[in-house]
Amino acid sequence: MQAAFDLSGKTALVTGCNAGLGQAMAVALSSAGATVVGVNRSEARETQVRIEAAGGRFIDMRADLGEPGAVGPLMGQVLECAPRLDILVNNAGIIRRSDALSLTEADWDEVMALNLKSLFFLSQAVARRFIAQAGGTGHGDGACHGKVIHIASMLSFQGGVRVPSYTAAKCGVLGLTRAMANEWAPHGINVNAIAPGYMSTGGSAPQRNDEARQRAILDRIPAGRWGRPEDLAGAVVFLAAPASDYMHGHTLAVDGGWLAR
């Protein structure tokens, strides 16, 4: 079984990994043996230190994926440093909190551009690379030629409150996970997603600092606590590793039992 979770010799491209969930997943992939290429708007110094202190390799890349046309130049830079890619983790994202009656068009566009549009086009570019690495097709040979892992949300399943653009984007992530899997599974590319539950990160600070909201959330989580970024470690390694080679189009909830309630 150890080989089924071994990522030695693999290269993982992880977006939004300078803190929080992305950092924890990058560290987990490195611990399983992968070289990690981190793509962030700002320096991912803490992530790099953690990975290198444990003997791993981290390649720091800078890009604003929410900007139009960002994917092409980024892929050029990535392939100069890591000629072969094996894993993509689409974690980069933002949230804008506003009533649906007052959300601005600018906020809507910003969230959709990063959380959904860039996810699609980066996945497209990486999938093309996977196919090229397989000799141009990989179609029907039964081998795994790459892993794409999206980060969805509890709001991929629910409507939420005061986060209409984020909810729309995360519902889109769930749909794209299925649509990409339908098209790319025949090429030996696994496309799956992780839907984190309520996690203790900087992005959830407004909810955790609101006593009534915090209590309402905790009362619904069977595990009785907020998730920690490290709770995603096993899920991301599983979806990146040979152990999940026959899993396609699935969104895996890591939520302390929230959806079961």
Protein backbone atom coordinates (compact mmCIF):
# COMPACT_ATOMS: atom_id res chain seq x y z
CA MET A 1 0.00 0.00 0.00
CA GLN A 2 2.88 2.39 0.59
CA ALA A 3 3.56 2.59 -3.15
CA ALA A 4 -0.07 3.51 -3.78
CA PHE A 5 0.47 6.80 -1.92
CA ASP A 6 4.04 7.49 -3.04
CA LEU A 7 4.59 10.67 -5.08
CA SER A 8 8.37 10.34 -5.44
CA GLY A 9 9.56 11.75 -8.76
CA LYS A 10 6.27 13.62 -9.35
CA THR A 11 5.87 17.36 -9.78
CA ALA A 12 2.81 19.13 -8.38
CA LEU A 13 1.69 22.62 -9.41
CA VAL A 14 -0.22 24.18 -6.50
CA THR A 15 -1.87 27.60 -6.73
CA GLY A 16 -2.52 29.81 -3.71
CA CYS A 17 -0.18 27.97 -1.35
CA ASN A 18 1.46 30.77 0.62
CA ALA A 19 -0.80 30.16 3.64
CA GLY A 20 -3.78 28.24 4.97
CA LEU A 21 -5.26 25.31 3.07
CA GLY A 22 -2.92 25.68 0.09
CA GLN A 23 0.15 25.65 2.28
CA ALA A 24 -0.99 22.54 4.14
CA MET A 25 -1.67 20.72 0.88
CA ALA A 26 1.67 21.75 -0.63
CA VAL A 27 3.50 20.49 2.46
CA ALA A 28 1.55 17.21 2.35
CA LEU A 29 2.36 16.60 -1.32
CA SER A 30 6.02 17.30 -0.62
CA SER A 31 5.98 14.92 2.34
CA ALA A 32 4.72 12.21 -0.01
CA GLY A 33 7.71 12.82 -2.30
CA ALA A 34 6.56 15.40 -4.86
CA THR A 35 8.43 18.47 -6.00
CA VAL A 36 6.08 21.42 -5.47
CA VAL A 37 5.77 24.38 -7.83
CA GLY A 38 3.91 27.06 -5.90
CA VAL A 39 2.05 29.81 -7.77
CA ASN A 40 1.06 32.85 -5.70
CA ARG A 41 0.57 36.57 -5.99
CA SER A 42 3.11 37.08 -3.18
CA GLU A 43 6.16 35.24 -1.92
CA ALA A 44 5.40 31.87 -0.33
CA ARG A 45 8.37 32.07 2.02
CA GLU A 46 6.83 30.20 4.94
CA THR A 47 5.69 27.35 2.69
CA GLN A 48 9.13 27.10 1.12
CA VAL A 49 10.83 27.03 4.52
CA ARG A 50 8.54 24.27 5.79
CA ILE A 51 9.06 22.11 2.71
CA GLU A 52 12.80 22.58 2.49
CA ALA A 53 13.27 22.02 6.24
CA ALA A 54 11.79 18.57 5.73
CA GLY A 55 14.09 17.85 2.79
CA GLY A 56 11.66 18.64 -0.01
CA ARG A 57 11.95 20.88 -3.05
CA PHE A 58 9.83 23.98 -3.60
CA ILE A 59 9.87 26.18 -6.72
CA ASP A 60 8.43 29.64 -6.13
CA MET A 61 6.42 31.19 -8.98
CA ARG A 62 4.61 34.52 -9.04
CA ALA A 63 1.39 35.19 -10.97
CA ASP A 64 -1.96 36.91 -10.62
CA LEU A 65 -4.23 34.28 -12.09
CA GLY A 66 -7.19 36.63 -11.95
CA GLU A 67 -5.65 38.79 -14.68
CA PRO A 68 -6.66 38.09 -18.29
CA GLY A 69 -4.06 36.10 -20.21
CA ALA A 70 -2.07 35.09 -17.13
CA VAL A 71 -2.07 31.34 -17.79
CA GLY A 72 0.03 31.30 -20.98
CA PRO A 73 3.06 33.17 -19.60
CA LEU A 74 2.82 31.23 -16.33
CA MET A 75 2.93 27.86 -18.10
CA GLY A 76 5.99 28.98 -20.02
CA GLN A 77 7.79 29.83 -16.78
CA VAL A 78 6.68 26.65 -15.05
CA LEU A 79 7.87 24.38 -17.85
CA GLU A 80 11.27 26.05 -17.86
CA CYS A 81 11.78 25.01 -14.24
CA ALA A 82 9.78 21.79 -14.24
CA PRO A 83 9.68 20.26 -17.73
CA ARG A 84 7.34 17.50 -16.55
CA LEU A 85 4.09 18.02 -14.63
CA ASP A 86 2.07 15.29 -12.94
CA ILE A 87 -0.37 17.01 -10.56
CA LEU A 88 -2.35 20.26 -10.54
CA VAL A 89 -4.06 21.58 -7.41
CA ASN A 90 -6.35 24.54 -8.17
CA ASN A 91 -6.56 26.21 -4.78
CA ALA A 92 -6.21 29.95 -5.51
CA GLY A 93 -9.38 31.86 -4.73
CA ILE A 94 -10.96 34.90 -3.12
CA ILE A 95 -14.26 35.68 -1.44
CA ARG A 96 -16.33 38.87 -1.40
CA ARG A 97 -19.06 39.10 1.23
CA SER A 98 -22.13 41.09 0.30
CA ASP A 99 -25.90 40.76 0.18
CA ALA A 100 -27.09 39.63 -3.24
CA LEU A 101 -29.02 42.93 -3.47
CA SER A 102 -25.87 45.01 -3.17
CA LEU A 103 -23.04 42.94 -4.72
CA THR A 104 -21.18 45.04 -7.29
CA GLU A 105 -20.37 43.93 -10.80
CA ALA A 106 -16.68 44.51 -10.08
CA ASP A 107 -16.74 42.15 -7.10
CA TRP A 108 -18.67 39.55 -9.09
CA ASP A 109 -16.14 39.68 -11.95
CA GLU A 110 -13.13 39.51 -9.64
CA VAL A 111 -14.37 36.40 -7.85
CA MET A 112 -15.42 34.61 -11.02
CA ALA A 113 -12.18 35.47 -12.83
CA LEU A 114 -9.96 33.88 -10.18
CA ASN A 115 -12.17 31.18 -8.68
CA LEU A 116 -13.63 29.75 -11.88
CA LYS A 117 -12.24 31.20 -15.11
CA SER A 118 -8.56 30.80 -14.19
CA LEU A 119 -9.26 27.33 -12.81
CA PHE A 120 -10.69 26.27 -16.17
CA PHE A 121 -7.93 27.69 -18.34
CA LEU A 122 -5.07 26.55 -16.11
CA SER A 123 -6.58 23.06 -16.02
CA GLN A 124 -6.91 23.14 -19.80
CA ALA A 125 -3.26 24.12 -20.24
CA VAL A 126 -2.04 21.47 -17.80
CA ALA A 127 -4.25 18.76 -19.32
CA ARG A 128 -2.79 19.56 -22.73
CA ARG A 129 0.64 19.10 -21.18
CA PHE A 130 -0.35 15.76 -19.66
CA ILE A 131 -1.54 14.57 -23.08
CA ALA A 132 1.64 15.76 -24.78
CA GLN A 133 3.75 13.95 -22.18
CA ALA A 134 1.79 10.78 -22.95
CA GLY A 135 2.82 10.98 -26.57
CA GLY A 136 -0.05 13.04 -27.87
CA THR A 137 -3.06 11.05 -26.79
CA GLY A 138 -2.88 8.57 -23.91
CA HIS A 139 -6.34 7.61 -25.14
CA GLY A 140 -7.39 4.15 -24.05
CA ASP A 141 -3.98 2.91 -22.89
CA GLY A 142 -5.24 2.39 -19.30
CA ALA A 143 -2.41 4.36 -17.73
CA CYS A 144 -2.70 7.44 -15.53
CA HIS A 145 -1.12 10.46 -17.18
CA GLY A 146 -1.99 13.23 -14.72
CA LYS A 147 -4.06 14.39 -11.79
CA VAL A 148 -6.17 17.54 -11.60
CA ILE A 149 -7.53 18.44 -8.16
CA HIS A 150 -9.91 21.35 -7.74
CA ILE A 151 -10.75 22.92 -4.39
CA ALA A 152 -14.52 23.20 -4.12
CA SER A 153 -16.49 24.16 -1.00
CA MET A 154 -19.49 23.39 1.17
CA LEU A 155 -21.09 26.09 -1.00
CA SER A 156 -20.72 23.79 -3.98
CA PHE A 157 -23.67 22.00 -2.36
CA GLN A 158 -25.45 24.84 -0.52
CA GLY A 159 -26.46 28.43 -1.13
CA GLY A 160 -24.72 30.14 1.73
CA VAL A 161 -25.44 33.63 3.06
CA ARG A 162 -23.99 36.89 1.71
CA VAL A 163 -21.55 35.17 -0.67
CA PRO A 164 -23.45 34.95 -3.98
CA SER A 165 -20.46 35.22 -6.32
CA TYR A 166 -18.40 32.74 -4.29
CA THR A 167 -21.30 30.29 -4.20
CA ALA A 168 -21.79 30.57 -7.96
CA ALA A 169 -18.10 29.98 -8.57
CA LYS A 170 -17.87 26.99 -6.25
CA CYS A 171 -20.98 25.40 -7.75
CA GLY A 172 -19.21 25.88 -11.07
CA VAL A 173 -16.13 24.11 -9.73
CA LEU A 174 -18.20 21.06 -8.86
CA GLY A 175 -19.75 21.07 -12.33
CA LEU A 176 -16.41 21.49 -14.10
CA THR A 177 -14.95 18.64 -12.06
CA ARG A 178 -17.56 16.34 -13.60
CA ALA A 179 -17.40 17.84 -17.09
CA MET A 180 -13.60 17.66 -17.29
CA ALA A 181 -13.59 14.11 -15.94
CA ASN A 182 -16.05 13.04 -18.65
CA GLU A 183 -13.76 14.35 -21.39
CA TRP A 184 -10.34 13.69 -19.93
CA ALA A 185 -10.69 10.29 -18.23
CA PRO A 186 -10.22 8.55 -21.60
CA HIS A 187 -6.84 10.31 -21.83
CA GLY A 188 -5.77 8.88 -18.46
CA ILE A 189 -6.31 12.16 -16.60
CA ASN A 190 -8.06 12.05 -13.23
CA VAL A 191 -10.13 15.13 -12.39
CA ASN A 192 -11.54 15.28 -8.86
CA ALA A 193 -12.16 17.89 -6.20
CA ILE A 194 -11.95 18.42 -2.46
CA ALA A 195 -14.73 20.33 -0.70
CA PRO A 196 -13.33 21.59 2.61
CA GLY A 197 -15.76 22.15 5.44
CA TYR A 198 -15.56 25.09 7.80
CA MET A 199 -11.82 25.57 8.26
CA SER A 200 -9.90 27.69 10.71
CA THR A 201 -8.05 30.00 8.31
CA GLY A 202 -7.74 33.72 7.74
CA GLY A 203 -10.69 33.62 5.34
CA SER A 204 -13.05 32.30 8.01
CA ALA A 205 -12.06 34.85 10.65
CA PRO A 206 -15.28 36.93 10.24
CA GLN A 207 -17.38 33.86 11.01
CA ARG A 208 -15.23 32.69 13.91
CA ASN A 209 -15.20 36.18 15.42
CA ASP A 210 -19.01 36.40 15.32
CA GLU A 211 -20.06 34.52 18.45
CA ALA A 212 -23.57 33.68 17.22
CA ARG A 213 -22.38 32.54 13.80
CA GLN A 214 -19.55 30.51 15.29
CA ARG A 215 -21.93 28.72 17.66
CA ALA A 216 -24.42 27.98 14.86
CA ILE A 217 -21.65 26.44 12.76
CA LEU A 218 -20.18 24.35 15.57
CA ASP A 219 -23.60 23.10 16.59
CA ARG A 220 -24.04 21.58 13.12
CA ILE A 221 -20.59 19.94 12.79
CA PRO A 222 -20.76 16.37 14.16
CA ALA A 223 -17.00 16.43 14.80
CA GLY A 224 -17.58 19.39 17.15
CA ARG A 225 -14.73 21.55 15.89
CA TRP A 226 -13.58 23.70 13.00
CA GLY A 227 -11.35 21.93 10.52
CA ARG A 228 -7.61 22.59 10.40
CA PRO A 229 -5.66 23.03 7.15
CA GLU A 230 -3.78 19.81 7.94
CA ASP A 231 -7.08 17.92 7.77
CA LEU A 232 -6.80 18.14 3.96
CA ALA A 233 -3.40 16.42 3.85
CA GLY A 234 -4.67 12.87 3.46
CA ALA A 235 -7.31 13.80 0.89
CA VAL A 236 -4.95 15.69 -1.40
CA VAL A 237 -2.27 13.00 -1.28
CA PHE A 238 -4.89 10.33 -1.99
CA LEU A 239 -6.27 12.19 -5.03
CA ALA A 240 -2.75 12.90 -6.32
CA ALA A 241 -1.48 9.35 -5.85
CA PRO A 242 -1.95 6.04 -7.71
CA ALA A 243 -4.41 4.98 -4.99
CA SER A 244 -7.11 7.08 -6.70
CA ASP A 245 -6.37 6.13 -10.33
CA TYR A 246 -9.91 4.82 -10.85
CA MET A 247 -11.62 7.84 -9.29
CA HIS A 248 -13.00 10.35 -11.78
CA GLY A 249 -15.33 13.34 -11.37
CA HIS A 250 -15.81 13.03 -7.62
CA THR A 251 -15.95 15.87 -5.09
CA LEU A 252 -14.68 14.64 -1.74
CA ALA A 253 -16.05 16.48 1.29
CA VAL A 254 -13.65 16.91 4.20
CA ASP A 255 -16.12 18.59 6.50
CA GLY A 256 -16.30 16.98 9.94
CA GLY A 257 -19.67 15.53 8.95
CA TRP A 258 -21.34 18.87 8.02
CA LEU A 259 -23.10 17.51 4.93
CA ALA A 260 -24.25 14.40 6.76
CA ARG A 261 -26.23 16.48 9.23
